[in-house]
Amino acid sequence: MPAITEVACWAHCRRAIFDVWQTAKSTVAKAALDRIAQFYAIEDKARFAPSAKRLAHRAATIPFRARRRAVLDPADREIERRQSASLA
């Protein structure tokens, strides 16, 4: 049986991070929002480009995705911690 890969929506990810930024002004959340904005800018260029150019634009997201873990994983942990605290 093939492995199942979760494909998360950037808008939902961004919203959760934005909520942390809005309430706590976290530098980690701000850095994550800035990175997501860079990713969105690349995707905007690629959206209506011919396929060859779209691939070139999307190749520009490789460094973004490589840095994702360094920025978003701490943000994910912070979001989870704050959500748990708000539910308590």
PDB file of N, CA and C in Angstrom:
ATOM      1  N   MET A   1       0.849  -1.181   0.000  1.00  0.00           N
ATOM      2  CA  MET A   1       0.000   0.000   0.000  1.00  0.00           C
ATOM      3  C   MET A   1       0.891   1.240   0.000  1.00  0.00           C
ATOM      4  N   PRO A   2       0.633   2.197  -0.896  1.00  0.00           N
ATOM      5  CA  PRO A   2       1.484   3.397  -0.946  1.00  0.00           C
ATOM      6  C   PRO A   2       1.287   4.264   0.300  1.00  0.00           C
ATOM      7  N   ALA A   3       2.331   4.981   0.632  1.00  0.00           N
ATOM      8  CA  ALA A   3       2.262   5.884   1.779  1.00  0.00           C
ATOM      9  C   ALA A   3       1.317   7.043   1.459  1.00  0.00           C
ATOM     10  N   ILE A   4       0.675   7.536   2.482  1.00  0.00           N
ATOM     11  CA  ILE A   4      -0.213   8.685   2.318  1.00  0.00           C
ATOM     12  C   ILE A   4       0.564   9.932   2.710  1.00  0.00           C
ATOM     13  N   THR A   5       0.536  10.918   1.835  1.00  0.00           N
ATOM     14  CA  THR A   5       1.235  12.175   2.090  1.00  0.00           C
ATOM     15  C   THR A   5       0.213  13.270   2.336  1.00  0.00           C
ATOM     16  N   GLU A   6       0.336  13.943   3.471  1.00  0.00           N
ATOM     17  CA  GLU A   6      -0.558  15.057   3.756  1.00  0.00           C
ATOM     18  C   GLU A   6      -0.163  16.239   2.899  1.00  0.00           C
ATOM     19  N   VAL A   7      -1.136  16.872   2.299  1.00  0.00           N
ATOM     20  CA  VAL A   7      -0.916  18.083   1.526  1.00  0.00           C
ATOM     21  C   VAL A   7      -1.714  19.174   2.219  1.00  0.00           C
ATOM     22  N   ALA A   8      -1.023  20.015   2.937  1.00  0.00           N
ATOM     23  CA  ALA A   8      -1.694  21.053   3.713  1.00  0.00           C
ATOM     24  C   ALA A   8      -1.889  22.318   2.874  1.00  0.00           C
ATOM     25  N   CYS A   9      -2.862  23.071   3.224  1.00  0.00           N
ATOM     26  CA  CYS A   9      -3.179  24.312   2.530  1.00  0.00           C
ATOM     27  C   CYS A   9      -2.357  25.444   3.143  1.00  0.00           C
ATOM     28  N   TRP A  10      -1.627  26.176   2.310  1.00  0.00           N
ATOM     29  CA  TRP A  10      -0.824  27.291   2.815  1.00  0.00           C
ATOM     30  C   TRP A  10      -1.686  28.364   3.461  1.00  0.00           C
ATOM     31  N   ALA A  11      -2.895  28.562   2.954  1.00  0.00           N
ATOM     32  CA  ALA A  11      -3.761  29.593   3.532  1.00  0.00           C
ATOM     33  C   ALA A  11      -4.113  29.256   4.979  1.00  0.00           C
ATOM     34  N   HIS A  12      -4.406  27.994   5.254  1.00  0.00           N
ATOM     35  CA  HIS A  12      -4.723  27.604   6.626  1.00  0.00           C
ATOM     36  C   HIS A  12      -3.484  27.670   7.517  1.00  0.00           C
ATOM     37  N   CYS A  13      -2.367  27.249   6.986  1.00  0.00           N
ATOM     38  CA  CYS A  13      -1.109  27.348   7.726  1.00  0.00           C
ATOM     39  C   CYS A  13      -0.809  28.806   8.050  1.00  0.00           C
ATOM     40  N   ARG A  14      -0.916  29.663   7.033  1.00  0.00           N
ATOM     41  CA  ARG A  14      -0.640  31.082   7.223  1.00  0.00           C
ATOM     42  C   ARG A  14      -1.586  31.692   8.254  1.00  0.00           C
ATOM     43  N   ARG A  15      -2.847  31.315   8.219  1.00  0.00           N
ATOM     44  CA  ARG A  15      -3.833  31.889   9.145  1.00  0.00           C
ATOM     45  C   ARG A  15      -3.481  31.583  10.600  1.00  0.00           C
ATOM     46  N   ALA A  16      -3.101  30.341  10.862  1.00  0.00           N
ATOM     47  CA  ALA A  16      -2.724  29.970  12.228  1.00  0.00           C
ATOM     48  C   ALA A  16      -1.495  30.754  12.680  1.00  0.00           C
ATOM     49  N   ILE A  17      -0.529  30.896  11.791  1.00  0.00           N
ATOM     50  CA  ILE A  17       0.675  31.660  12.133  1.00  0.00           C
ATOM     51  C   ILE A  17       0.333  33.129  12.310  1.00  0.00           C
ATOM     52  N   PHE A  18      -0.538  33.674  11.456  1.00  0.00           N
ATOM     53  CA  PHE A  18      -0.956  35.062  11.588  1.00  0.00           C
ATOM     54  C   PHE A  18      -1.640  35.300  12.935  1.00  0.00           C
ATOM     55  N   ASP A  19      -2.457  34.362  13.380  1.00  0.00           N
ATOM     56  CA  ASP A  19      -3.121  34.505  14.677  1.00  0.00           C
ATOM     57  C   ASP A  19      -2.110  34.632  15.812  1.00  0.00           C
ATOM     58  N   VAL A  20      -1.040  33.835  15.743  1.00  0.00           N
ATOM     59  CA  VAL A  20       0.018  33.945  16.759  1.00  0.00           C
ATOM     60  C   VAL A  20       0.699  35.303  16.653  1.00  0.00           C
ATOM     61  N   TRP A  21       0.996  35.731  15.423  1.00  0.00           N
ATOM     62  CA  TRP A  21       1.638  37.033  15.230  1.00  0.00           C
ATOM     63  C   TRP A  21       0.764  38.146  15.792  1.00  0.00           C
ATOM     64  N   GLN A  22      -0.519  38.075  15.506  1.00  0.00           N
ATOM     65  CA  GLN A  22      -1.438  39.131  15.927  1.00  0.00           C
ATOM     66  C   GLN A  22      -1.558  39.210  17.449  1.00  0.00           C
ATOM     67  N   THR A  23      -1.565  38.076  18.120  1.00  0.00           N
ATOM     68  CA  THR A  23      -1.736  38.096  19.575  1.00  0.00           C
ATOM     69  C   THR A  23      -0.437  38.277  20.337  1.00  0.00           C
ATOM     70  N   ALA A  24       0.655  37.698  19.834  1.00  0.00           N
ATOM     71  CA  ALA A  24       1.898  37.697  20.615  1.00  0.00           C
ATOM     72  C   ALA A  24       3.032  38.499  20.004  1.00  0.00           C
ATOM     73  N   LYS A  25       2.881  38.926  18.758  1.00  0.00           N
ATOM     74  CA  LYS A  25       3.963  39.628  18.045  1.00  0.00           C
ATOM     75  C   LYS A  25       5.254  38.813  18.080  1.00  0.00           C
ATOM     76  N   SER A  26       5.118  37.509  17.913  1.00  0.00           N
ATOM     77  CA  SER A  26       6.244  36.587  17.926  1.00  0.00           C
ATOM     78  C   SER A  26       7.151  36.823  16.726  1.00  0.00           C
ATOM     79  N   THR A  27       8.454  36.890  16.967  1.00  0.00           N
ATOM     80  CA  THR A  27       9.402  37.058  15.867  1.00  0.00           C
ATOM     81  C   THR A  27       9.450  35.805  14.991  1.00  0.00           C
ATOM     82  N   VAL A  28       9.225  34.650  15.589  1.00  0.00           N
ATOM     83  CA  VAL A  28       9.198  33.409  14.818  1.00  0.00           C
ATOM     84  C   VAL A  28       8.003  33.425  13.868  1.00  0.00           C
ATOM     85  N   ALA A  29       6.852  33.839  14.368  1.00  0.00           N
ATOM     86  CA  ALA A  29       5.660  33.906  13.525  1.00  0.00           C
ATOM     87  C   ALA A  29       5.849  34.936  12.412  1.00  0.00           C
ATOM     88  N   LYS A  30       6.457  36.066  12.721  1.00  0.00           N
ATOM     89  CA  LYS A  30       6.689  37.106  11.711  1.00  0.00           C
ATOM     90  C   LYS A  30       7.613  36.585  10.615  1.00  0.00           C
ATOM     91  N   ALA A  31       8.669  35.882  11.007  1.00  0.00           N
ATOM     92  CA  ALA A  31       9.587  35.317  10.020  1.00  0.00           C
ATOM     93  C   ALA A  31       8.863  34.309   9.134  1.00  0.00           C
ATOM     94  N   ALA A  32       8.000  33.510   9.718  1.00  0.00           N
ATOM     95  CA  ALA A  32       7.234  32.530   8.938  1.00  0.00           C
ATOM     96  C   ALA A  32       6.295  33.238   7.962  1.00  0.00           C
ATOM     97  N   LEU A  33       5.632  34.295   8.411  1.00  0.00           N
ATOM     98  CA  LEU A  33       4.744  35.058   7.524  1.00  0.00           C
ATOM     99  C   LEU A  33       5.515  35.674   6.363  1.00  0.00           C
ATOM    100  N   ASP A  34       6.698  36.184   6.642  1.00  0.00           N
ATOM    101  CA  ASP A  34       7.532  36.765   5.587  1.00  0.00           C
ATOM    102  C   ASP A  34       7.922  35.718   4.554  1.00  0.00           C
ATOM    103  N   ARG A  35       8.263  34.532   5.003  1.00  0.00           N
ATOM    104  CA  ARG A  35       8.635  33.454   4.082  1.00  0.00           C
ATOM    105  C   ARG A  35       7.436  33.019   3.238  1.00  0.00           C
ATOM    106  N   ILE A  36       6.281  32.916   3.860  1.00  0.00           N
ATOM    107  CA  ILE A  36       5.083  32.530   3.127  1.00  0.00           C
ATOM    108  C   ILE A  36       4.756  33.599   2.078  1.00  0.00           C
ATOM    109  N   ALA A  37       4.952  34.867   2.408  1.00  0.00           N
ATOM    110  CA  ALA A  37       4.726  35.948   1.433  1.00  0.00           C
ATOM    111  C   ALA A  37       5.662  35.802   0.239  1.00  0.00           C
ATOM    112  N   GLN A  38       6.906  35.423   0.486  1.00  0.00           N
ATOM    113  CA  GLN A  38       7.846  35.199  -0.610  1.00  0.00           C
ATOM    114  C   GLN A  38       7.370  34.046  -1.499  1.00  0.00           C
ATOM    115  N   PHE A  39       6.902  32.985  -0.878  1.00  0.00           N
ATOM    116  CA  PHE A  39       6.384  31.846  -1.619  1.00  0.00           C
ATOM    117  C   PHE A  39       5.176  32.254  -2.457  1.00  0.00           C
ATOM    118  N   TYR A  40       4.240  33.015  -1.867  1.00  0.00           N
ATOM    119  CA  TYR A  40       3.062  33.485  -2.602  1.00  0.00           C
ATOM    120  C   TYR A  40       3.461  34.349  -3.796  1.00  0.00           C
ATOM    121  N   ALA A  41       4.481  35.184  -3.642  1.00  0.00           N
ATOM    122  CA  ALA A  41       4.926  36.049  -4.739  1.00  0.00           C
ATOM    123  C   ALA A  41       5.443  35.207  -5.912  1.00  0.00           C
ATOM    124  N   ILE A  42       6.174  34.148  -5.605  1.00  0.00           N
ATOM    125  CA  ILE A  42       6.672  33.264  -6.660  1.00  0.00           C
ATOM    126  C   ILE A  42       5.506  32.563  -7.347  1.00  0.00           C
ATOM    127  N   GLU A  43       4.567  32.081  -6.565  1.00  0.00           N
ATOM    128  CA  GLU A  43       3.411  31.384  -7.140  1.00  0.00           C
ATOM    129  C   GLU A  43       2.558  32.332  -7.990  1.00  0.00           C
ATOM    130  N   ASP A  44       2.454  33.606  -7.597  1.00  0.00           N
ATOM    131  CA  ASP A  44       1.707  34.567  -8.407  1.00  0.00           C
ATOM    132  C   ASP A  44       2.342  34.726  -9.792  1.00  0.00           C
ATOM    133  N   LYS A  45       3.671  34.749  -9.845  1.00  0.00           N
ATOM    134  CA  LYS A  45       4.364  34.846 -11.134  1.00  0.00           C
ATOM    135  C   LYS A  45       4.122  33.596 -11.977  1.00  0.00           C
ATOM    136  N   ALA A  46       4.074  32.447 -11.332  1.00  0.00           N
ATOM    137  CA  ALA A  46       3.956  31.174 -12.046  1.00  0.00           C
ATOM    138  C   ALA A  46       2.532  30.884 -12.510  1.00  0.00           C
ATOM    139  N   ARG A  47       1.564  31.428 -11.834  1.00  0.00           N
ATOM    140  CA  ARG A  47       0.165  31.026 -12.047  1.00  0.00           C
ATOM    141  C   ARG A  47      -0.268  31.010 -13.508  1.00  0.00           C
ATOM    142  N   PHE A  48      -0.020  32.072 -14.245  1.00  0.00           N
ATOM    143  CA  PHE A  48      -0.505  32.154 -15.624  1.00  0.00           C
ATOM    144  C   PHE A  48       0.624  32.113 -16.656  1.00  0.00           C
ATOM    145  N   ALA A  49       1.808  31.725 -16.238  1.00  0.00           N
ATOM    146  CA  ALA A  49       2.952  31.642 -17.150  1.00  0.00           C
ATOM    147  C   ALA A  49       2.858  30.372 -17.988  1.00  0.00           C
ATOM    148  N   PRO A  50       3.495  30.394 -19.159  1.00  0.00           N
ATOM    149  CA  PRO A  50       3.583  29.161 -19.947  1.00  0.00           C
ATOM    150  C   PRO A  50       4.294  28.075 -19.123  1.00  0.00           C
ATOM    151  N   SER A  51       4.070  26.831 -19.466  1.00  0.00           N
ATOM    152  CA  SER A  51       4.554  25.727 -18.624  1.00  0.00           C
ATOM    153  C   SER A  51       6.059  25.774 -18.352  1.00  0.00           C
ATOM    154  N   ALA A  52       6.876  26.081 -19.335  1.00  0.00           N
ATOM    155  CA  ALA A  52       8.332  26.121 -19.116  1.00  0.00           C
ATOM    156  C   ALA A  52       8.696  27.203 -18.105  1.00  0.00           C
ATOM    157  N   LYS A  53       8.087  28.364 -18.248  1.00  0.00           N
ATOM    158  CA  LYS A  53       8.364  29.447 -17.303  1.00  0.00           C
ATOM    159  C   LYS A  53       7.776  29.135 -15.930  1.00  0.00           C
ATOM    160  N   ARG A  54       6.628  28.469 -15.911  1.00  0.00           N
ATOM    161  CA  ARG A  54       6.005  28.102 -14.636  1.00  0.00           C
ATOM    162  C   ARG A  54       6.930  27.172 -13.853  1.00  0.00           C
ATOM    163  N   LEU A  55       7.541  26.222 -14.570  1.00  0.00           N
ATOM    164  CA  LEU A  55       8.497  25.321 -13.913  1.00  0.00           C
ATOM    165  C   LEU A  55       9.705  26.088 -13.385  1.00  0.00           C
ATOM    166  N   ALA A  56      10.180  27.049 -14.148  1.00  0.00           N
ATOM    167  CA  ALA A  56      11.322  27.857 -13.694  1.00  0.00           C
ATOM    168  C   ALA A  56      10.958  28.674 -12.459  1.00  0.00           C
ATOM    169  N   HIS A  57       9.774  29.278 -12.463  1.00  0.00           N
ATOM    170  CA  HIS A  57       9.330  30.037 -11.289  1.00  0.00           C
ATOM    171  C   HIS A  57       9.219  29.116 -10.073  1.00  0.00           C
ATOM    172  N   ARG A  58       8.621  27.966 -10.281  1.00  0.00           N
ATOM    173  CA  ARG A  58       8.417  27.047  -9.155  1.00  0.00           C
ATOM    174  C   ARG A  58       9.733  26.477  -8.655  1.00  0.00           C
ATOM    175  N   ALA A  59      10.730  26.383  -9.529  1.00  0.00           N
ATOM    176  CA  ALA A  59      12.057  25.947  -9.080  1.00  0.00           C
ATOM    177  C   ALA A  59      12.626  26.953  -8.080  1.00  0.00           C
ATOM    178  N   ALA A  60      12.195  28.202  -8.192  1.00  0.00           N
ATOM    179  CA  ALA A  60      12.646  29.235  -7.251  1.00  0.00           C
ATOM    180  C   ALA A  60      12.098  29.003  -5.851  1.00  0.00           C
ATOM    181  N   THR A  61      11.112  28.129  -5.708  1.00  0.00           N
ATOM    182  CA  THR A  61      10.584  27.834  -4.366  1.00  0.00           C
ATOM    183  C   THR A  61      11.422  26.792  -3.636  1.00  0.00           C
ATOM    184  N   ILE A  62      12.364  26.152  -4.336  1.00  0.00           N
ATOM    185  CA  ILE A  62      13.177  25.108  -3.695  1.00  0.00           C
ATOM    186  C   ILE A  62      13.932  25.645  -2.486  1.00  0.00           C
ATOM    187  N   PRO A  63      14.637  26.786  -2.577  1.00  0.00           N
ATOM    188  CA  PRO A  63      15.306  27.302  -1.376  1.00  0.00           C
ATOM    189  C   PRO A  63      14.312  27.646  -0.269  1.00  0.00           C
ATOM    190  N   PHE A  64      13.150  28.165  -0.646  1.00  0.00           N
ATOM    191  CA  PHE A  64      12.123  28.464   0.351  1.00  0.00           C
ATOM    192  C   PHE A  64      11.731  27.194   1.104  1.00  0.00           C
ATOM    193  N   ARG A  65      11.464  26.132   0.352  1.00  0.00           N
ATOM    194  CA  ARG A  65      11.048  24.885   0.983  1.00  0.00           C
ATOM    195  C   ARG A  65      12.169  24.285   1.814  1.00  0.00           C
ATOM    196  N   ALA A  66      13.420  24.494   1.404  1.00  0.00           N
ATOM    197  CA  ALA A  66      14.551  23.986   2.174  1.00  0.00           C
ATOM    198  C   ALA A  66      14.670  24.698   3.522  1.00  0.00           C
ATOM    199  N   ARG A  67      14.335  25.998   3.529  1.00  0.00           N
ATOM    200  CA  ARG A  67      14.405  26.771   4.781  1.00  0.00           C
ATOM    201  C   ARG A  67      13.145  26.633   5.627  1.00  0.00           C
ATOM    202  N   ARG A  68      12.087  26.046   5.039  1.00  0.00           N
ATOM    203  CA  ARG A  68      10.800  25.954   5.712  1.00  0.00           C
ATOM    204  C   ARG A  68      10.911  25.360   7.113  1.00  0.00           C
ATOM    205  N   ARG A  69      11.587  24.251   7.212  1.00  0.00           N
ATOM    206  CA  ARG A  69      11.666  23.564   8.501  1.00  0.00           C
ATOM    207  C   ARG A  69      12.335  24.427   9.567  1.00  0.00           C
ATOM    208  N   ALA A  70      13.348  25.162   9.193  1.00  0.00           N
ATOM    209  CA  ALA A  70      14.063  25.983  10.168  1.00  0.00           C
ATOM    210  C   ALA A  70      13.181  27.089  10.737  1.00  0.00           C
ATOM    211  N   VAL A  71      12.252  27.588   9.929  1.00  0.00           N
ATOM    212  CA  VAL A  71      11.401  28.696  10.376  1.00  0.00           C
ATOM    213  C   VAL A  71      10.046  28.213  10.866  1.00  0.00           C
ATOM    214  N   LEU A  72       9.405  27.358  10.094  1.00  0.00           N
ATOM    215  CA  LEU A  72       8.029  26.995  10.426  1.00  0.00           C
ATOM    216  C   LEU A  72       7.904  25.941  11.509  1.00  0.00           C
ATOM    217  N   ASP A  73       8.854  25.043  11.649  1.00  0.00           N
ATOM    218  CA  ASP A  73       8.730  24.052  12.716  1.00  0.00           C
ATOM    219  C   ASP A  73       8.675  24.705  14.096  1.00  0.00           C
ATOM    220  N   PRO A  74       9.567  25.679  14.401  1.00  0.00           N
ATOM    221  CA  PRO A  74       9.401  26.369  15.688  1.00  0.00           C
ATOM    222  C   PRO A  74       8.065  27.113  15.778  1.00  0.00           C
ATOM    223  N   ALA A  75       7.619  27.674  14.652  1.00  0.00           N
ATOM    224  CA  ALA A  75       6.324  28.366  14.659  1.00  0.00           C
ATOM    225  C   ALA A  75       5.195  27.378  14.920  1.00  0.00           C
ATOM    226  N   ASP A  76       5.278  26.197  14.300  1.00  0.00           N
ATOM    227  CA  ASP A  76       4.262  25.173  14.535  1.00  0.00           C
ATOM    228  C   ASP A  76       4.197  24.801  16.016  1.00  0.00           C
ATOM    229  N   ARG A  77       5.362  24.615  16.625  1.00  0.00           N
ATOM    230  CA  ARG A  77       5.381  24.266  18.053  1.00  0.00           C
ATOM    231  C   ARG A  77       4.794  25.392  18.897  1.00  0.00           C
ATOM    232  N   GLU A  78       5.101  26.647  18.535  1.00  0.00           N
ATOM    233  CA  GLU A  78       4.563  27.776  19.280  1.00  0.00           C
ATOM    234  C   GLU A  78       3.052  27.858  19.132  1.00  0.00           C
ATOM    235  N   ILE A  79       2.569  27.634  17.926  1.00  0.00           N
ATOM    236  CA  ILE A  79       1.120  27.668  17.682  1.00  0.00           C
ATOM    237  C   ILE A  79       0.435  26.579  18.499  1.00  0.00           C
ATOM    238  N   GLU A  80       0.986  25.368  18.467  1.00  0.00           N
ATOM    239  CA  GLU A  80       0.392  24.275  19.230  1.00  0.00           C
ATOM    240  C   GLU A  80       0.381  24.592  20.720  1.00  0.00           C
ATOM    241  N   ARG A  81       1.470  25.166  21.221  1.00  0.00           N
ATOM    242  CA  ARG A  81       1.555  25.504  22.640  1.00  0.00           C
ATOM    243  C   ARG A  81       0.503  26.542  22.996  1.00  0.00           C
ATOM    244  N   ARG A  82       0.358  27.572  22.166  1.00  0.00           N
ATOM    245  CA  ARG A  82      -0.622  28.630  22.448  1.00  0.00           C
ATOM    246  C   ARG A  82      -2.055  28.123  22.317  1.00  0.00           C
ATOM    247  N   GLN A  83      -2.298  27.272  21.327  1.00  0.00           N
ATOM    248  CA  GLN A  83      -3.646  26.722  21.177  1.00  0.00           C
ATOM    249  C   GLN A  83      -3.995  25.841  22.369  1.00  0.00           C
ATOM    250  N   SER A  84      -3.038  25.043  22.836  1.00  0.00           N
ATOM    251  CA  SER A  84      -3.286  24.193  24.011  1.00  0.00           C
ATOM    252  C   SER A  84      -3.563  25.047  25.236  1.00  0.00           C
ATOM    253  N   ALA A  85      -2.799  26.127  25.385  1.00  0.00           N
ATOM    254  CA  ALA A  85      -2.978  27.013  26.541  1.00  0.00           C
ATOM    255  C   ALA A  85      -4.339  27.711  26.477  1.00  0.00           C
ATOM    256  N   SER A  86      -4.786  28.060  25.281  1.00  0.00           N
ATOM    257  CA  SER A  86      -6.073  28.758  25.170  1.00  0.00           C
ATOM    258  C   SER A  86      -7.240  27.819  25.427  1.00  0.00           C
ATOM    259  N   LEU A  87      -7.035  26.519  25.204  1.00  0.00           N
ATOM    260  CA  LEU A  87      -8.095  25.544  25.455  1.00  0.00           C
ATOM    261  C   LEU A  87      -8.165  25.124  26.918  1.00  0.00           C
ATOM    262  N   ALA A  88      -7.091  25.358  27.647  1.00  0.00           N
ATOM    263  CA  ALA A  88      -7.032  24.922  29.048  1.00  0.00           C
ATOM    264  C   ALA A  88      -7.893  25.790  29.943  1.00  0.00           C
TER     265      ALA A  88
END
